[in-house]
Amino acid sequence: MQENKEKSQRFTTFLLNNTFIESFISLQRLYIRKIHVLHLQYKIRIVS
């Protein structure tokens, strides 16, 4: 029984870590996209 408990705890930790990493990656993507858009707007402003 104890072993089962440890396994489930490990699995929960694994899931939490995965979720955290995925959300972090998607946040990074959003951030990069935002910077990219800002950069484009900045370039356009300079050109015109």
N, C-alpha and C. Protein backbone atom coordinates (compact mmCIF):
# COMPACT_ATOMS: atom_id res chain seq x y z
N MET A 1 0.83 -1.20 0.00
CA MET A 1 0.00 0.00 0.00
C MET A 1 0.88 1.26 0.00
N GLN A 2 1.89 1.25 0.82
CA GLN A 2 2.79 2.41 0.90
C GLN A 2 3.45 2.70 -0.46
N GLU A 3 3.82 1.62 -1.12
CA GLU A 3 4.47 1.78 -2.42
C GLU A 3 3.52 2.44 -3.42
N ASN A 4 2.27 2.04 -3.36
CA ASN A 4 1.26 2.63 -4.24
C ASN A 4 1.14 4.12 -4.00
N LYS A 5 1.13 4.49 -2.76
CA LYS A 5 1.00 5.90 -2.40
C LYS A 5 2.17 6.69 -2.99
N GLU A 6 3.35 6.16 -2.82
CA GLU A 6 4.53 6.86 -3.36
C GLU A 6 4.46 6.98 -4.87
N LYS A 7 4.00 5.92 -5.52
CA LYS A 7 3.88 5.97 -6.99
C LYS A 7 2.91 7.06 -7.41
N SER A 8 1.77 7.11 -6.76
CA SER A 8 0.78 8.12 -7.14
C SER A 8 1.31 9.53 -6.87
N GLN A 9 2.04 9.68 -5.77
CA GLN A 9 2.62 10.99 -5.48
C GLN A 9 3.64 11.38 -6.56
N ARG A 10 4.44 10.42 -6.95
CA ARG A 10 5.43 10.69 -7.98
C ARG A 10 4.73 11.09 -9.28
N PHE A 11 3.66 10.36 -9.59
CA PHE A 11 2.92 10.65 -10.81
C PHE A 11 2.32 12.05 -10.76
N THR A 12 1.77 12.42 -9.61
CA THR A 12 1.18 13.75 -9.45
C THR A 12 2.26 14.82 -9.65
N THR A 13 3.40 14.60 -9.05
CA THR A 13 4.51 15.55 -9.22
C THR A 13 4.89 15.67 -10.68
N PHE A 14 4.96 14.53 -11.35
CA PHE A 14 5.30 14.51 -12.76
C PHE A 14 4.29 15.32 -13.57
N LEU A 15 3.01 15.10 -13.28
CA LEU A 15 1.95 15.83 -13.99
C LEU A 15 2.07 17.32 -13.74
N LEU A 16 2.28 17.69 -12.50
CA LEU A 16 2.40 19.10 -12.15
C LEU A 16 3.57 19.73 -12.89
N ASN A 17 4.69 19.05 -12.89
CA ASN A 17 5.86 19.58 -13.58
C ASN A 17 5.58 19.75 -15.07
N ASN A 18 4.95 18.74 -15.65
CA ASN A 18 4.63 18.82 -17.07
C ASN A 18 3.73 20.00 -17.38
N THR A 19 2.69 20.15 -16.58
CA THR A 19 1.76 21.26 -16.78
C THR A 19 2.50 22.58 -16.66
N PHE A 20 3.33 22.68 -15.65
CA PHE A 20 4.09 23.91 -15.43
C PHE A 20 4.98 24.22 -16.64
N ILE A 21 5.68 23.20 -17.10
CA ILE A 21 6.59 23.40 -18.25
C ILE A 21 5.80 23.81 -19.49
N GLU A 22 4.68 23.14 -19.72
CA GLU A 22 3.89 23.47 -20.91
C GLU A 22 3.35 24.89 -20.84
N SER A 23 2.84 25.28 -19.68
CA SER A 23 2.31 26.63 -19.56
C SER A 23 3.44 27.65 -19.70
N PHE A 24 4.60 27.30 -19.17
CA PHE A 24 5.75 28.20 -19.29
C PHE A 24 6.13 28.38 -20.77
N ILE A 25 6.14 27.28 -21.51
CA ILE A 25 6.50 27.34 -22.93
C ILE A 25 5.48 28.17 -23.70
N SER A 26 4.20 27.96 -23.41
CA SER A 26 3.18 28.74 -24.14
C SER A 26 3.27 30.21 -23.77
N LEU A 27 3.59 30.49 -22.51
CA LEU A 27 3.79 31.88 -22.11
C LEU A 27 4.95 32.49 -22.88
N GLN A 28 6.02 31.75 -22.99
CA GLN A 28 7.18 32.24 -23.74
C GLN A 28 6.80 32.53 -25.19
N ARG A 29 6.03 31.62 -25.78
CA ARG A 29 5.61 31.82 -27.17
C ARG A 29 4.80 33.10 -27.31
N LEU A 30 3.86 33.28 -26.40
CA LEU A 30 3.04 34.49 -26.42
C LEU A 30 3.93 35.72 -26.32
N TYR A 31 4.85 35.67 -25.38
CA TYR A 31 5.75 36.79 -25.15
C TYR A 31 6.56 37.11 -26.40
N ILE A 32 7.10 36.06 -27.02
CA ILE A 32 7.90 36.24 -28.23
C ILE A 32 7.06 36.85 -29.35
N ARG A 33 5.83 36.35 -29.48
CA ARG A 33 4.94 36.87 -30.52
C ARG A 33 4.68 38.36 -30.29
N LYS A 34 4.43 38.69 -29.04
CA LYS A 34 4.15 40.08 -28.68
C LYS A 34 5.33 40.97 -29.05
N ILE A 35 6.52 40.53 -28.67
CA ILE A 35 7.73 41.30 -28.97
C ILE A 35 7.90 41.43 -30.48
N HIS A 36 7.61 40.35 -31.19
CA HIS A 36 7.74 40.36 -32.65
C HIS A 36 6.81 41.42 -33.25
N VAL A 37 5.57 41.42 -32.80
CA VAL A 37 4.59 42.40 -33.30
C VAL A 37 5.04 43.81 -32.97
N LEU A 38 5.47 44.02 -31.75
CA LEU A 38 5.95 45.34 -31.35
C LEU A 38 7.13 45.77 -32.22
N HIS A 39 8.01 44.85 -32.48
CA HIS A 39 9.18 45.14 -33.30
C HIS A 39 8.76 45.53 -34.71
N LEU A 40 7.80 44.80 -35.26
CA LEU A 40 7.30 45.11 -36.60
C LEU A 40 6.69 46.51 -36.62
N GLN A 41 5.87 46.81 -35.64
CA GLN A 41 5.25 48.15 -35.58
C GLN A 41 6.32 49.22 -35.48
N TYR A 42 7.34 48.95 -34.71
CA TYR A 42 8.43 49.90 -34.54
C TYR A 42 9.15 50.15 -35.87
N LYS A 43 9.41 49.06 -36.61
CA LYS A 43 10.07 49.18 -37.90
C LYS A 43 9.21 50.00 -38.86
N ILE A 44 7.92 49.70 -38.88
CA ILE A 44 7.01 50.41 -39.78
C ILE A 44 7.01 51.91 -39.46
N ARG A 45 7.02 52.22 -38.18
CA ARG A 45 6.99 53.61 -37.75
C ARG A 45 8.26 54.33 -38.24
N ILE A 46 9.37 53.63 -38.17
CA ILE A 46 10.65 54.25 -38.58
C ILE A 46 10.65 54.48 -40.09
N VAL A 47 10.16 53.50 -40.84
CA VAL A 47 10.17 53.60 -42.30
C VAL A 47 9.25 54.71 -42.78
N SER A 48 8.07 54.84 -42.21
CA SER A 48 7.09 55.80 -42.72
C SER A 48 7.28 57.20 -42.14
